[in-house]
Amino acid sequence: MQVDAATRVCGLFGYPVGHSFSPAMHNAALRALGIN
């Protein structure tokens, strides 16, 4: 997907987050739902 005017931004707060699978899981779910 391309970043454009319809792109939504989600953030992850926490420390440390480098080991978190959350971004990968959320990106996969949003991609599967067709949410940009």
N, C-alpha and C. Protein backbone atom coordinates (compact mmCIF):
# COMPACT_ATOMS: atom_id res chain seq x y z
N MET A 1 0.84 -1.18 0.00
CA MET A 1 0.00 0.00 0.00
C MET A 1 0.88 1.24 0.00
N GLN A 2 0.36 2.29 -0.56
CA GLN A 2 1.08 3.55 -0.65
C GLN A 2 0.60 4.52 0.43
N VAL A 3 1.49 5.34 0.92
CA VAL A 3 1.11 6.40 1.86
C VAL A 3 0.53 7.54 1.04
N ASP A 4 -0.71 7.93 1.37
CA ASP A 4 -1.36 9.03 0.67
C ASP A 4 -2.28 9.76 1.64
N ALA A 5 -3.14 10.62 1.13
CA ALA A 5 -4.01 11.43 1.99
C ALA A 5 -4.99 10.57 2.79
N ALA A 6 -5.28 9.36 2.32
CA ALA A 6 -6.22 8.48 3.02
C ALA A 6 -5.54 7.59 4.05
N THR A 7 -4.22 7.66 4.14
CA THR A 7 -3.46 6.81 5.06
C THR A 7 -3.74 7.21 6.50
N ARG A 8 -3.97 6.21 7.34
CA ARG A 8 -4.16 6.43 8.77
C ARG A 8 -2.87 6.05 9.49
N VAL A 9 -2.60 6.71 10.59
CA VAL A 9 -1.38 6.46 11.35
C VAL A 9 -1.75 5.87 12.70
N CYS A 10 -1.07 4.78 13.06
CA CYS A 10 -1.25 4.15 14.37
C CYS A 10 0.10 4.17 15.07
N GLY A 11 0.08 4.31 16.37
CA GLY A 11 1.33 4.35 17.12
C GLY A 11 1.39 3.25 18.16
N LEU A 12 2.60 2.94 18.58
CA LEU A 12 2.84 1.95 19.62
C LEU A 12 3.64 2.62 20.72
N PHE A 13 3.10 2.61 21.91
CA PHE A 13 3.79 3.20 23.05
C PHE A 13 4.24 2.10 23.99
N GLY A 14 5.43 2.22 24.50
CA GLY A 14 5.94 1.26 25.45
C GLY A 14 7.46 1.30 25.47
N TYR A 15 8.03 0.57 26.41
CA TYR A 15 9.48 0.49 26.49
C TYR A 15 9.86 -0.85 27.10
N PRO A 16 10.69 -1.57 26.48
CA PRO A 16 11.20 -1.43 25.12
C PRO A 16 10.21 -2.04 24.14
N VAL A 17 10.17 -1.55 22.95
CA VAL A 17 9.25 -2.07 21.93
C VAL A 17 10.00 -2.78 20.80
N GLY A 18 11.30 -2.78 20.85
CA GLY A 18 12.10 -3.40 19.80
C GLY A 18 11.82 -4.89 19.63
N HIS A 19 11.41 -5.57 20.68
CA HIS A 19 11.16 -7.00 20.62
C HIS A 19 9.69 -7.34 20.37
N SER A 20 8.84 -6.32 20.26
CA SER A 20 7.40 -6.53 20.13
C SER A 20 7.01 -6.99 18.73
N PHE A 21 6.10 -7.97 18.67
CA PHE A 21 5.55 -8.42 17.39
C PHE A 21 4.30 -7.62 17.02
N SER A 22 3.88 -6.72 17.89
CA SER A 22 2.65 -5.96 17.68
C SER A 22 2.61 -5.21 16.34
N PRO A 23 3.65 -4.47 15.95
CA PRO A 23 3.58 -3.77 14.67
C PRO A 23 3.38 -4.72 13.48
N ALA A 24 4.07 -5.84 13.49
CA ALA A 24 3.92 -6.81 12.39
C ALA A 24 2.52 -7.40 12.37
N MET A 25 1.98 -7.72 13.55
CA MET A 25 0.63 -8.29 13.62
C MET A 25 -0.41 -7.28 13.17
N HIS A 26 -0.29 -6.04 13.63
CA HIS A 26 -1.26 -5.01 13.25
C HIS A 26 -1.16 -4.68 11.77
N ASN A 27 0.05 -4.57 11.24
CA ASN A 27 0.22 -4.30 9.81
C ASN A 27 -0.42 -5.40 8.97
N ALA A 28 -0.23 -6.65 9.36
CA ALA A 28 -0.82 -7.77 8.62
C ALA A 28 -2.34 -7.73 8.68
N ALA A 29 -2.89 -7.44 9.86
CA ALA A 29 -4.35 -7.38 10.00
C ALA A 29 -4.93 -6.23 9.20
N LEU A 30 -4.31 -5.06 9.27
CA LEU A 30 -4.82 -3.91 8.52
C LEU A 30 -4.71 -4.14 7.02
N ARG A 31 -3.63 -4.76 6.58
CA ARG A 31 -3.46 -5.08 5.16
C ARG A 31 -4.54 -6.05 4.70
N ALA A 32 -4.83 -7.09 5.52
CA ALA A 32 -5.85 -8.08 5.18
C ALA A 32 -7.24 -7.45 5.09
N LEU A 33 -7.47 -6.41 5.91
CA LEU A 33 -8.76 -5.72 5.90
C LEU A 33 -8.83 -4.64 4.83
N GLY A 34 -7.72 -4.39 4.16
CA GLY A 34 -7.69 -3.36 3.12
C GLY A 34 -7.65 -1.95 3.66
N ILE A 35 -7.22 -1.81 4.92
CA ILE A 35 -7.12 -0.49 5.54
C ILE A 35 -5.73 0.07 5.27
N ASN A 36 -5.68 1.28 4.72
CA ASN A 36 -4.40 1.92 4.41
C ASN A 36 -4.06 2.86 5.55
